Amino acid sequence: MLMIIKTRLLGLLIAGIVLSGCSFNVPKYNADAFNVKKMESIPTSINVGTFTATKPGVTSITCRAAGSVGTPDGSTFEQFIRNAFISELKIAKKYNPNSKITLTGHLEEIDFNSNLGTADWVMRLTATSSNSRSITINTKYDFDGSFIANQACADVASAFIPAIQKLISNLINNRDFYTLLK
């Protein structure tokens, strides 16, 4: 009888650990110096409106069976990207909530692959201007993956900020970006 109780307790303990999983929060956003430098050359100030998503309200993505990768403050991915963009504009002194130009964003896709040898973040964002023009940016950010689930998911979380920085870089360095500012 004692052996049955020990076996059941061990089973419950293992099930609890597996089902509870871990959460891998990405670090807080840090502006990219190259993005800020590029933004300083923007000829006008910009307001940033609402960012939406094809899958609205998502704050984390499940990573293998190890847990989920999510934003540090529980914001949605679209809010996180919007705030990152505003952060860089503010540092470049190009953010102005009263600007005649307002950019909005629609996060069409965000996902990652945590496999060894093919680890990456993939994002597609459409930026639309108050002048009715828009551009769509596809970003793929490669990073080193891991065979071990916990390490792989930690790598995914660590790669999120550089992936967002690359998304913003791809937006502001796109040849059609300046058409959004007219």
Protein backbone atom coordinates (compact mmCIF):
# COMPACT_ATOMS: atom_id res chain seq x y z
CA MET A 1 0.00 0.00 0.00
CA LEU A 2 2.80 2.40 0.90
CA MET A 3 4.49 1.59 -2.43
CA ILE A 4 1.27 2.44 -4.35
CA ILE A 5 0.98 5.80 -2.56
CA LYS A 6 4.63 6.63 -3.29
CA THR A 7 4.17 5.69 -6.94
CA ARG A 8 1.05 7.86 -7.26
CA LEU A 9 2.74 10.80 -5.53
CA LEU A 10 5.74 10.47 -7.83
CA GLY A 11 3.40 10.33 -10.82
CA LEU A 12 1.54 13.44 -9.65
CA LEU A 13 4.81 15.27 -9.07
CA ILE A 14 6.08 14.44 -12.55
CA ALA A 15 2.74 15.38 -14.13
CA GLY A 16 2.75 18.69 -12.24
CA ILE A 17 6.22 19.54 -13.45
CA VAL A 18 5.43 18.63 -17.06
CA LEU A 19 2.08 20.44 -17.12
CA SER A 20 3.26 23.56 -15.36
CA GLY A 21 6.08 24.15 -17.83
CA CYS A 22 8.26 27.20 -17.77
CA SER A 23 7.80 30.66 -19.07
CA PHE A 24 10.59 32.23 -21.06
CA ASN A 25 10.13 36.01 -20.99
CA VAL A 26 12.04 38.09 -23.45
CA PRO A 27 14.11 40.92 -21.98
CA LYS A 28 12.92 44.51 -22.00
CA TYR A 29 13.43 46.35 -25.26
CA ASN A 30 16.67 48.22 -25.92
CA ALA A 31 16.81 50.60 -28.84
CA ASP A 32 19.22 49.76 -31.63
CA ALA A 33 21.83 52.47 -32.21
CA PHE A 34 21.83 51.94 -36.00
CA ASN A 35 18.04 52.28 -36.15
CA VAL A 36 18.13 55.45 -34.08
CA LYS A 37 20.87 56.93 -36.29
CA LYS A 38 18.82 56.15 -39.42
CA MET A 39 15.68 57.66 -37.83
CA GLU A 40 17.54 60.88 -37.08
CA SER A 41 17.70 61.45 -40.84
CA ILE A 42 13.92 61.17 -41.27
CA PRO A 43 12.77 64.56 -42.60
CA THR A 44 9.61 64.81 -40.48
CA SER A 45 8.28 63.79 -37.11
CA ILE A 46 5.96 60.79 -36.89
CA ASN A 47 3.01 59.79 -34.75
CA VAL A 48 2.45 56.10 -34.15
CA GLY A 49 -1.13 54.91 -34.08
CA THR A 50 -2.63 51.58 -33.18
CA PHE A 51 -0.94 48.31 -34.04
CA THR A 52 -3.23 45.35 -34.69
CA ALA A 53 -2.61 41.69 -35.44
CA THR A 54 -4.10 38.92 -37.52
CA LYS A 55 -4.16 36.96 -34.27
CA PRO A 56 -4.90 39.78 -31.80
CA GLY A 57 -4.07 39.63 -28.13
CA VAL A 58 -1.30 37.01 -28.29
CA THR A 59 1.26 37.56 -25.52
CA SER A 60 3.23 34.33 -25.81
CA ILE A 61 3.93 31.38 -28.10
CA THR A 62 4.35 27.81 -26.90
CA CYS A 63 7.89 26.54 -27.22
CA ARG A 64 8.14 22.79 -27.56
CA ALA A 65 6.87 21.15 -24.36
CA ALA A 66 9.09 23.37 -22.23
CA GLY A 67 6.75 26.32 -21.81
CA SER A 68 6.02 29.53 -23.64
CA VAL A 69 8.00 32.53 -24.85
CA GLY A 70 6.32 35.80 -24.02
CA THR A 71 6.80 39.52 -23.68
CA PRO A 72 8.32 40.77 -20.41
CA ASP A 73 5.33 42.86 -19.37
CA GLY A 74 2.52 40.68 -20.68
CA SER A 75 1.79 43.06 -23.54
CA THR A 76 0.65 41.64 -26.85
CA PHE A 77 3.26 41.14 -29.55
CA GLU A 78 1.72 43.94 -31.61
CA GLN A 79 1.84 46.33 -28.62
CA PHE A 80 5.43 45.34 -27.88
CA ILE A 81 6.49 46.09 -31.47
CA ARG A 82 4.60 49.41 -31.44
CA ASN A 83 6.29 50.43 -28.18
CA ALA A 84 9.71 49.42 -29.53
CA PHE A 85 9.15 51.57 -32.63
CA ILE A 86 8.05 54.54 -30.50
CA SER A 87 11.06 54.06 -28.21
CA GLU A 88 13.48 54.36 -31.12
CA LEU A 89 11.62 57.33 -32.61
CA LYS A 90 11.73 59.12 -29.25
CA ILE A 91 15.48 58.61 -28.88
CA ALA A 92 15.93 59.93 -32.44
CA LYS A 93 13.68 62.89 -31.55
CA LYS A 94 11.28 62.02 -34.37
CA TYR A 95 8.23 60.96 -32.35
CA ASN A 96 5.44 63.52 -32.17
CA PRO A 97 1.89 62.53 -31.20
CA ASN A 98 0.67 65.70 -32.97
CA SER A 99 2.40 64.98 -36.28
CA LYS A 100 0.38 65.17 -39.48
CA ILE A 101 1.86 61.76 -40.40
CA THR A 102 0.61 58.78 -38.39
CA LEU A 103 1.87 55.28 -38.98
CA THR A 104 -0.14 52.25 -37.91
CA GLY A 105 0.90 48.64 -38.08
CA HIS A 106 -0.69 45.28 -38.66
CA LEU A 107 1.26 42.25 -37.47
CA GLU A 108 0.28 39.64 -40.01
CA GLU A 109 2.59 36.91 -38.75
CA ILE A 110 4.89 36.23 -35.83
CA ASP A 111 6.37 32.84 -35.09
CA PHE A 112 9.62 31.09 -34.38
CA ASN A 113 11.43 27.86 -35.04
CA SER A 114 13.60 26.57 -32.20
CA ASN A 115 15.17 23.61 -33.99
CA LEU A 116 18.89 23.09 -34.00
CA GLY A 117 20.33 24.43 -37.24
CA THR A 118 17.16 26.23 -38.37
CA ALA A 119 16.27 28.45 -35.41
CA ASP A 120 14.67 31.73 -36.41
CA TRP A 121 12.01 34.34 -35.70
CA VAL A 122 9.71 35.12 -38.63
CA MET A 123 7.55 38.27 -38.76
CA ARG A 124 5.44 40.05 -41.34
CA LEU A 125 4.29 43.59 -40.61
CA THR A 126 2.30 45.97 -42.77
CA ALA A 127 2.87 49.64 -41.97
CA THR A 128 0.20 52.05 -43.16
CA SER A 129 0.45 55.82 -43.26
CA SER A 130 -2.26 58.40 -42.74
CA ASN A 131 -1.54 59.28 -46.40
CA SER A 132 -3.09 55.88 -47.34
CA ARG A 133 0.17 54.30 -48.49
CA SER A 134 1.44 51.07 -46.98
CA ILE A 135 4.34 48.67 -47.18
CA THR A 136 4.72 45.11 -45.97
CA ILE A 137 7.95 44.00 -44.34
CA ASN A 138 8.99 40.35 -44.08
CA THR A 139 11.70 39.67 -41.52
CA LYS A 140 13.54 36.49 -40.72
CA TYR A 141 16.05 36.58 -37.89
CA ASP A 142 18.29 33.51 -37.62
CA PHE A 143 19.94 32.46 -34.36
CA ASP A 144 21.60 29.40 -32.87
CA GLY A 145 19.17 26.78 -31.68
CA SER A 146 19.63 23.92 -29.28
CA PHE A 147 18.66 20.28 -29.12
CA ILE A 148 17.67 20.59 -25.44
CA ALA A 149 14.18 22.10 -25.07
CA ASN A 150 14.86 24.44 -22.12
CA GLN A 151 17.98 25.85 -23.74
CA ALA A 152 16.28 26.15 -27.14
CA CYS A 153 13.39 28.11 -25.64
CA ALA A 154 15.75 30.35 -23.68
CA ASP A 155 17.57 31.00 -26.99
CA VAL A 156 14.25 31.92 -28.63
CA ALA A 157 13.53 34.43 -25.86
CA SER A 158 17.05 35.92 -26.11
CA ALA A 159 16.73 36.32 -29.88
CA PHE A 160 13.43 38.21 -29.73
CA ILE A 161 14.85 41.70 -29.13
CA PRO A 162 17.39 41.50 -31.98
CA ALA A 163 14.58 40.14 -34.19
CA ILE A 164 12.40 43.17 -33.38
CA GLN A 165 15.36 45.48 -33.99
CA LYS A 166 15.84 43.84 -37.40
CA LEU A 167 12.10 44.21 -38.17
CA ILE A 168 12.29 47.95 -37.44
CA SER A 169 15.53 48.22 -39.44
CA ASN A 170 13.91 46.47 -42.40
CA LEU A 171 10.99 48.92 -42.17
CA ILE A 172 12.98 52.15 -41.99
CA ASN A 173 15.55 51.01 -44.54
CA ASN A 174 12.95 49.85 -47.05
CA ARG A 175 13.16 51.93 -50.24
CA ASP A 176 9.42 52.69 -49.99
CA PHE A 177 9.47 53.82 -46.34
CA TYR A 178 9.73 57.50 -47.25
CA THR A 179 6.52 57.27 -49.32
CA LEU A 180 4.76 56.74 -45.97
CA LEU A 181 6.04 60.11 -44.74
CA LYS A 182 4.71 62.39 -47.52
